[in-house]
Amino acid sequence: MKRVLIIDTKAGNLFSLRSAIERLGFFVSILSIPNKVDFDAVVIPGQGRFGTVMQNIRVNGWAEFLKNAYENSIPILGICVGMQIFFEASEEDPEVKGLSWFKGKSKALDFPKKPMVGWAKLTSQIKEYKNSVVYFVNSYAIKQSGKMIAETAYGETFCAAIKQGSFTGVQFHPEKSSEIGRYILLEALTVSQQNDQ
């Protein structure tokens, strides 16, 4: 049984995410600090403020852990703010620096209603994302990225998913996105892609 680590950033309820991953047949551990156990995949959940999540990532030693996992081609999935922290910064907490794996800044978008809560269709050339309808809960997002593999529109168009090597980031919540969400979770946690695809 493959082992998945969910990083507890102290920013939200992890029950639905854990349950969704366990239903895929994975053994799930939730940790607030790294340990020496090897995992087959890592998930950074999608709840909480950018600054709070980044503080817990840095204070608890997760930045180096994530870097080492990526260098060893371990699948990493960042969800919502768990994706945004891999960029340089966010307007939500402008004084806080992100991990800066990718260029760009999370920005408050011109949503018809804030926060964005509900289903929206993805635009993508990748089959598991193309025309998929997934569930969003967010007020901030990355507008554009060179690593973008899917986008959506709600008031304005923004980045819905990115991919680089073994890292996948999604602005939506796959654990709340029905069957397509389960499929995207499975792909992100099991397929280690080549860098710079």
C-alpha atoms as a PDB file:
ATOM      1  CA  MET A   1       0.000   0.000   0.000  1.00  0.00           C
ATOM      2  CA  LYS A   2       1.429   3.345  -1.045  1.00  0.00           C
ATOM      3  CA  ARG A   3       1.982   5.912   1.688  1.00  0.00           C
ATOM      4  CA  VAL A   4       0.815   9.511   1.353  1.00  0.00           C
ATOM      5  CA  LEU A   5       1.850  12.290   3.695  1.00  0.00           C
ATOM      6  CA  ILE A   6      -0.492  15.219   4.306  1.00  0.00           C
ATOM      7  CA  ILE A   7       1.379  18.171   5.798  1.00  0.00           C
ATOM      8  CA  ASP A   8      -0.589  19.683   8.669  1.00  0.00           C
ATOM      9  CA  THR A   9      -0.128  23.432   8.296  1.00  0.00           C
ATOM     10  CA  LYS A  10      -2.525  24.107  11.200  1.00  0.00           C
ATOM     11  CA  ALA A  11      -4.807  25.944   8.822  1.00  0.00           C
ATOM     12  CA  GLY A  12      -7.910  23.810   8.449  1.00  0.00           C
ATOM     13  CA  ASN A  13      -9.855  20.582   8.760  1.00  0.00           C
ATOM     14  CA  LEU A  14      -8.087  17.766   6.915  1.00  0.00           C
ATOM     15  CA  PHE A  15     -10.822  15.131   7.295  1.00  0.00           C
ATOM     16  CA  SER A  16     -12.325  15.322   3.787  1.00  0.00           C
ATOM     17  CA  LEU A  17      -8.902  15.336   2.129  1.00  0.00           C
ATOM     18  CA  ARG A  18      -7.700  12.375   4.166  1.00  0.00           C
ATOM     19  CA  SER A  19     -10.888  10.439   3.470  1.00  0.00           C
ATOM     20  CA  ALA A  20     -10.686  11.107  -0.281  1.00  0.00           C
ATOM     21  CA  ILE A  21      -7.086   9.858  -0.460  1.00  0.00           C
ATOM     22  CA  GLU A  22      -7.804   6.799   1.675  1.00  0.00           C
ATOM     23  CA  ARG A  23     -10.685   5.885  -0.649  1.00  0.00           C
ATOM     24  CA  LEU A  24      -8.102   5.650  -3.442  1.00  0.00           C
ATOM     25  CA  GLY A  25      -6.365   2.873  -1.510  1.00  0.00           C
ATOM     26  CA  PHE A  26      -3.495   4.845   0.030  1.00  0.00           C
ATOM     27  CA  PHE A  27      -2.276   4.744   3.609  1.00  0.00           C
ATOM     28  CA  VAL A  28      -2.379   8.344   4.869  1.00  0.00           C
ATOM     29  CA  SER A  29      -0.270   9.993   7.576  1.00  0.00           C
ATOM     30  CA  ILE A  30      -0.803  13.571   8.784  1.00  0.00           C
ATOM     31  CA  LEU A  31       2.270  15.235  10.281  1.00  0.00           C
ATOM     32  CA  SER A  32       2.952  18.736  11.593  1.00  0.00           C
ATOM     33  CA  ILE A  33       6.740  18.239  11.568  1.00  0.00           C
ATOM     34  CA  PRO A  34       8.857  16.045   9.249  1.00  0.00           C
ATOM     35  CA  ASN A  35      10.108  12.642  10.325  1.00  0.00           C
ATOM     36  CA  LYS A  36      12.496  10.148   8.761  1.00  0.00           C
ATOM     37  CA  VAL A  37       9.788   7.875   7.336  1.00  0.00           C
ATOM     38  CA  ASP A  38       9.771   7.621   3.545  1.00  0.00           C
ATOM     39  CA  PHE A  39       6.553   8.515   1.736  1.00  0.00           C
ATOM     40  CA  ASP A  40       5.410   7.783  -1.807  1.00  0.00           C
ATOM     41  CA  ALA A  41       3.668  11.150  -2.217  1.00  0.00           C
ATOM     42  CA  VAL A  42       3.172  14.426  -0.331  1.00  0.00           C
ATOM     43  CA  VAL A  43       0.115  16.718  -0.171  1.00  0.00           C
ATOM     44  CA  ILE A  44      -0.029  20.327   1.024  1.00  0.00           C
ATOM     45  CA  PRO A  45      -3.720  20.978   1.781  1.00  0.00           C
ATOM     46  CA  GLY A  46      -5.715  23.946   0.594  1.00  0.00           C
ATOM     47  CA  GLN A  47      -7.059  25.813   3.572  1.00  0.00           C
ATOM     48  CA  GLY A  48      -5.948  28.878   5.516  1.00  0.00           C
ATOM     49  CA  ARG A  49      -4.138  32.164   4.920  1.00  0.00           C
ATOM     50  CA  PHE A  50      -1.001  32.357   2.810  1.00  0.00           C
ATOM     51  CA  GLY A  51       1.035  33.860   5.671  1.00  0.00           C
ATOM     52  CA  THR A  52      -0.099  31.287   8.239  1.00  0.00           C
ATOM     53  CA  VAL A  53       0.646  28.365   5.950  1.00  0.00           C
ATOM     54  CA  MET A  54       4.076  29.749   5.004  1.00  0.00           C
ATOM     55  CA  GLN A  55       4.979  30.353   8.654  1.00  0.00           C
ATOM     56  CA  ASN A  56       4.197  26.747   9.540  1.00  0.00           C
ATOM     57  CA  ILE A  57       6.033  25.428   6.487  1.00  0.00           C
ATOM     58  CA  ARG A  58       9.188  27.348   7.394  1.00  0.00           C
ATOM     59  CA  VAL A  59       9.127  27.066  11.200  1.00  0.00           C
ATOM     60  CA  ASN A  60       8.525  23.320  11.133  1.00  0.00           C
ATOM     61  CA  GLY A  61      11.204  22.494   8.574  1.00  0.00           C
ATOM     62  CA  TRP A  62       9.008  21.563   5.627  1.00  0.00           C
ATOM     63  CA  ALA A  63      10.748  23.757   3.034  1.00  0.00           C
ATOM     64  CA  GLU A  64      13.864  21.559   2.957  1.00  0.00           C
ATOM     65  CA  PHE A  65      11.754  18.396   3.175  1.00  0.00           C
ATOM     66  CA  LEU A  66       9.752  19.433   0.094  1.00  0.00           C
ATOM     67  CA  LYS A  67      12.882  20.366  -1.827  1.00  0.00           C
ATOM     68  CA  ASN A  68      14.434  16.970  -1.121  1.00  0.00           C
ATOM     69  CA  ALA A  69      11.222  15.173  -2.074  1.00  0.00           C
ATOM     70  CA  TYR A  70      11.059  17.028  -5.383  1.00  0.00           C
ATOM     71  CA  GLU A  71      14.730  16.331  -6.150  1.00  0.00           C
ATOM     72  CA  ASN A  72      13.973  12.639  -5.612  1.00  0.00           C
ATOM     73  CA  SER A  73      10.953  12.782  -7.952  1.00  0.00           C
ATOM     74  CA  ILE A  74       8.430  12.128  -5.171  1.00  0.00           C
ATOM     75  CA  PRO A  75       4.973  13.274  -6.349  1.00  0.00           C
ATOM     76  CA  ILE A  76       3.929  16.474  -4.560  1.00  0.00           C
ATOM     77  CA  LEU A  77       0.420  17.929  -4.740  1.00  0.00           C
ATOM     78  CA  GLY A  78      -0.344  21.474  -3.620  1.00  0.00           C
ATOM     79  CA  ILE A  79      -4.036  22.368  -3.265  1.00  0.00           C
ATOM     80  CA  CYS A  80      -5.346  25.972  -3.370  1.00  0.00           C
ATOM     81  CA  VAL A  81      -3.123  27.967  -0.957  1.00  0.00           C
ATOM     82  CA  GLY A  82      -1.002  24.813  -0.859  1.00  0.00           C
ATOM     83  CA  MET A  83      -0.207  25.554  -4.507  1.00  0.00           C
ATOM     84  CA  GLN A  84       0.143  29.334  -4.054  1.00  0.00           C
ATOM     85  CA  ILE A  85       2.959  29.002  -1.488  1.00  0.00           C
ATOM     86  CA  PHE A  86       5.241  27.593  -4.198  1.00  0.00           C
ATOM     87  CA  PHE A  87       5.119  30.971  -5.933  1.00  0.00           C
ATOM     88  CA  GLU A  88       6.948  34.130  -4.848  1.00  0.00           C
ATOM     89  CA  ALA A  89       4.294  35.954  -2.817  1.00  0.00           C
ATOM     90  CA  SER A  90       0.609  36.706  -2.277  1.00  0.00           C
ATOM     91  CA  GLU A  91      -1.417  39.899  -1.978  1.00  0.00           C
ATOM     92  CA  GLU A  92      -3.194  38.236   0.954  1.00  0.00           C
ATOM     93  CA  ASP A  93      -0.043  38.673   3.096  1.00  0.00           C
ATOM     94  CA  PRO A  94       2.297  40.868   1.017  1.00  0.00           C
ATOM     95  CA  GLU A  95       5.106  40.908   3.592  1.00  0.00           C
ATOM     96  CA  VAL A  96       5.463  37.105   3.487  1.00  0.00           C
ATOM     97  CA  LYS A  97       7.687  35.426   0.907  1.00  0.00           C
ATOM     98  CA  GLY A  98       6.637  32.190  -0.747  1.00  0.00           C
ATOM     99  CA  LEU A  99       8.899  29.249  -1.527  1.00  0.00           C
ATOM    100  CA  SER A 100       9.583  30.772  -4.978  1.00  0.00           C
ATOM    101  CA  TRP A 101       9.773  27.524  -6.910  1.00  0.00           C
ATOM    102  CA  PHE A 102       7.792  29.333  -9.616  1.00  0.00           C
ATOM    103  CA  LYS A 103       7.598  32.950 -10.738  1.00  0.00           C
ATOM    104  CA  GLY A 104       4.441  34.874  -9.938  1.00  0.00           C
ATOM    105  CA  LYS A 105       2.259  36.246  -7.201  1.00  0.00           C
ATOM    106  CA  SER A 106      -1.160  35.217  -5.929  1.00  0.00           C
ATOM    107  CA  LYS A 107      -3.615  38.076  -6.367  1.00  0.00           C
ATOM    108  CA  ALA A 108      -7.140  38.973  -5.323  1.00  0.00           C
ATOM    109  CA  LEU A 109      -9.251  38.459  -8.402  1.00  0.00           C
ATOM    110  CA  ASP A 110     -12.256  40.391  -9.673  1.00  0.00           C
ATOM    111  CA  PHE A 111     -14.812  37.768  -8.692  1.00  0.00           C
ATOM    112  CA  PRO A 112     -18.554  38.495  -9.067  1.00  0.00           C
ATOM    113  CA  LYS A 113     -18.903  37.358  -5.452  1.00  0.00           C
ATOM    114  CA  LYS A 114     -16.200  36.770  -2.860  1.00  0.00           C
ATOM    115  CA  PRO A 115     -15.083  34.248  -1.981  1.00  0.00           C
ATOM    116  CA  MET A 116     -15.556  32.097  -5.059  1.00  0.00           C
ATOM    117  CA  VAL A 117     -17.438  29.044  -3.797  1.00  0.00           C
ATOM    118  CA  GLY A 118     -18.760  26.448  -6.206  1.00  0.00           C
ATOM    119  CA  TRP A 119     -18.247  24.574  -9.447  1.00  0.00           C
ATOM    120  CA  ALA A 120     -16.472  25.876 -12.542  1.00  0.00           C
ATOM    121  CA  LYS A 121     -15.318  24.374 -15.822  1.00  0.00           C
ATOM    122  CA  LEU A 122     -11.639  23.979 -16.674  1.00  0.00           C
ATOM    123  CA  THR A 123     -10.030  24.798 -20.011  1.00  0.00           C
ATOM    124  CA  SER A 124      -7.046  22.587 -20.807  1.00  0.00           C
ATOM    125  CA  GLN A 125      -5.318  20.529 -23.486  1.00  0.00           C
ATOM    126  CA  ILE A 126      -4.770  17.694 -20.991  1.00  0.00           C
ATOM    127  CA  LYS A 127      -7.485  15.052 -21.114  1.00  0.00           C
ATOM    128  CA  GLU A 128      -8.106  14.641 -17.371  1.00  0.00           C
ATOM    129  CA  TYR A 129      -8.592  18.407 -17.008  1.00  0.00           C
ATOM    130  CA  LYS A 130     -10.228  19.311 -20.333  1.00  0.00           C
ATOM    131  CA  ASN A 131     -13.811  20.537 -19.805  1.00  0.00           C
ATOM    132  CA  SER A 132     -13.825  19.052 -16.288  1.00  0.00           C
ATOM    133  CA  VAL A 133     -16.094  20.753 -13.750  1.00  0.00           C
ATOM    134  CA  VAL A 134     -14.398  21.059 -10.367  1.00  0.00           C
ATOM    135  CA  TYR A 135     -15.054  22.692  -6.998  1.00  0.00           C
ATOM    136  CA  PHE A 136     -13.398  25.959  -5.946  1.00  0.00           C
ATOM    137  CA  VAL A 137     -13.241  27.847  -2.650  1.00  0.00           C
ATOM    138  CA  ASN A 138     -10.914  30.822  -2.974  1.00  0.00           C
ATOM    139  CA  SER A 139     -10.488  34.592  -2.998  1.00  0.00           C
ATOM    140  CA  TYR A 140      -6.904  34.646  -4.338  1.00  0.00           C
ATOM    141  CA  ALA A 141      -5.253  32.884  -7.235  1.00  0.00           C
ATOM    142  CA  ILE A 142      -2.295  32.915  -9.608  1.00  0.00           C
ATOM    143  CA  LYS A 143      -3.444  34.745 -12.731  1.00  0.00           C
ATOM    144  CA  GLN A 144      -0.946  33.239 -15.159  1.00  0.00           C
ATOM    145  CA  SER A 145       2.003  30.838 -14.990  1.00  0.00           C
ATOM    146  CA  GLY A 146       4.457  29.373 -17.463  1.00  0.00           C
ATOM    147  CA  LYS A 147       3.731  26.023 -15.807  1.00  0.00           C
ATOM    148  CA  MET A 148      -0.048  26.299 -16.258  1.00  0.00           C
ATOM    149  CA  ILE A 149      -1.871  23.216 -17.573  1.00  0.00           C
ATOM    150  CA  ALA A 150      -5.457  24.362 -16.914  1.00  0.00           C
ATOM    151  CA  GLU A 151      -7.347  27.601 -16.380  1.00  0.00           C
ATOM    152  CA  THR A 152     -10.858  28.668 -15.487  1.00  0.00           C
ATOM    153  CA  ALA A 153     -12.943  31.829 -15.483  1.00  0.00           C
ATOM    154  CA  TYR A 154     -14.972  33.438 -12.729  1.00  0.00           C
ATOM    155  CA  GLY A 155     -15.113  37.160 -13.267  1.00  0.00           C
ATOM    156  CA  GLU A 156     -11.722  36.851 -14.950  1.00  0.00           C
ATOM    157  CA  THR A 157      -9.561  34.010 -16.212  1.00  0.00           C
ATOM    158  CA  PHE A 158      -6.987  32.578 -13.817  1.00  0.00           C
ATOM    159  CA  CYS A 159      -4.667  29.614 -13.415  1.00  0.00           C
ATOM    160  CA  ALA A 160      -6.446  26.473 -12.189  1.00  0.00           C
ATOM    161  CA  ALA A 161      -3.576  23.949 -12.342  1.00  0.00           C
ATOM    162  CA  ILE A 162       0.181  23.804 -12.877  1.00  0.00           C
ATOM    163  CA  LYS A 163       2.678  21.007 -13.378  1.00  0.00           C
ATOM    164  CA  GLN A 164       6.461  20.822 -13.229  1.00  0.00           C
ATOM    165  CA  GLY A 165       8.280  17.518 -12.881  1.00  0.00           C
ATOM    166  CA  SER A 166       6.773  15.537 -10.017  1.00  0.00           C
ATOM    167  CA  PHE A 167       4.916  18.615  -8.694  1.00  0.00           C
ATOM    168  CA  THR A 168       1.230  19.246  -9.401  1.00  0.00           C
ATOM    169  CA  GLY A 169      -0.615  22.295  -8.125  1.00  0.00           C
ATOM    170  CA  VAL A 170      -4.373  22.845  -8.331  1.00  0.00           C
ATOM    171  CA  GLN A 171      -6.341  25.930  -7.309  1.00  0.00           C
ATOM    172  CA  PHE A 172      -9.529  23.884  -6.919  1.00  0.00           C
ATOM    173  CA  HIS A 173     -10.288  21.178  -4.348  1.00  0.00           C
ATOM    174  CA  PRO A 174     -10.048  17.713  -5.943  1.00  0.00           C
ATOM    175  CA  GLU A 175     -11.235  16.057  -2.723  1.00  0.00           C
ATOM    176  CA  LYS A 176     -14.568  17.873  -3.189  1.00  0.00           C
ATOM    177  CA  SER A 177     -14.765  17.476  -6.976  1.00  0.00           C
ATOM    178  CA  SER A 178     -16.557  14.147  -7.334  1.00  0.00           C
ATOM    179  CA  GLU A 179     -15.265  11.498  -9.752  1.00  0.00           C
ATOM    180  CA  ILE A 180     -12.993  13.786 -11.781  1.00  0.00           C
ATOM    181  CA  GLY A 181     -11.463  15.026  -8.548  1.00  0.00           C
ATOM    182  CA  ARG A 182     -10.631  11.473  -7.518  1.00  0.00           C
ATOM    183  CA  TYR A 183      -9.027  10.847 -10.882  1.00  0.00           C
ATOM    184  CA  ILE A 184      -6.927  14.023 -10.664  1.00  0.00           C
ATOM    185  CA  LEU A 185      -5.877  13.103  -7.110  1.00  0.00           C
ATOM    186  CA  LEU A 186      -4.809   9.652  -8.268  1.00  0.00           C
ATOM    187  CA  GLU A 187      -2.821  11.012 -11.198  1.00  0.00           C
ATOM    188  CA  ALA A 188      -1.085  13.651  -9.096  1.00  0.00           C
ATOM    189  CA  LEU A 189      -0.115  11.181  -6.363  1.00  0.00           C
ATOM    190  CA  THR A 190       1.099   8.326  -8.532  1.00  0.00           C
ATOM    191  CA  VAL A 191       2.583   9.691 -11.746  1.00  0.00           C
ATOM    192  CA  SER A 192       6.071  11.201 -11.524  1.00  0.00           C
ATOM    193  CA  GLN A 193       6.457  13.252 -14.684  1.00  0.00           C
ATOM    194  CA  GLN A 194       9.711  14.275 -16.305  1.00  0.00           C
ATOM    195  CA  ASN A 195      11.048  17.749 -15.550  1.00  0.00           C
ATOM    196  CA  ASP A 196      10.436  20.621 -17.946  1.00  0.00           C
ATOM    197  CA  GLN A 197       7.763  18.857 -19.929  1.00  0.00           C
END
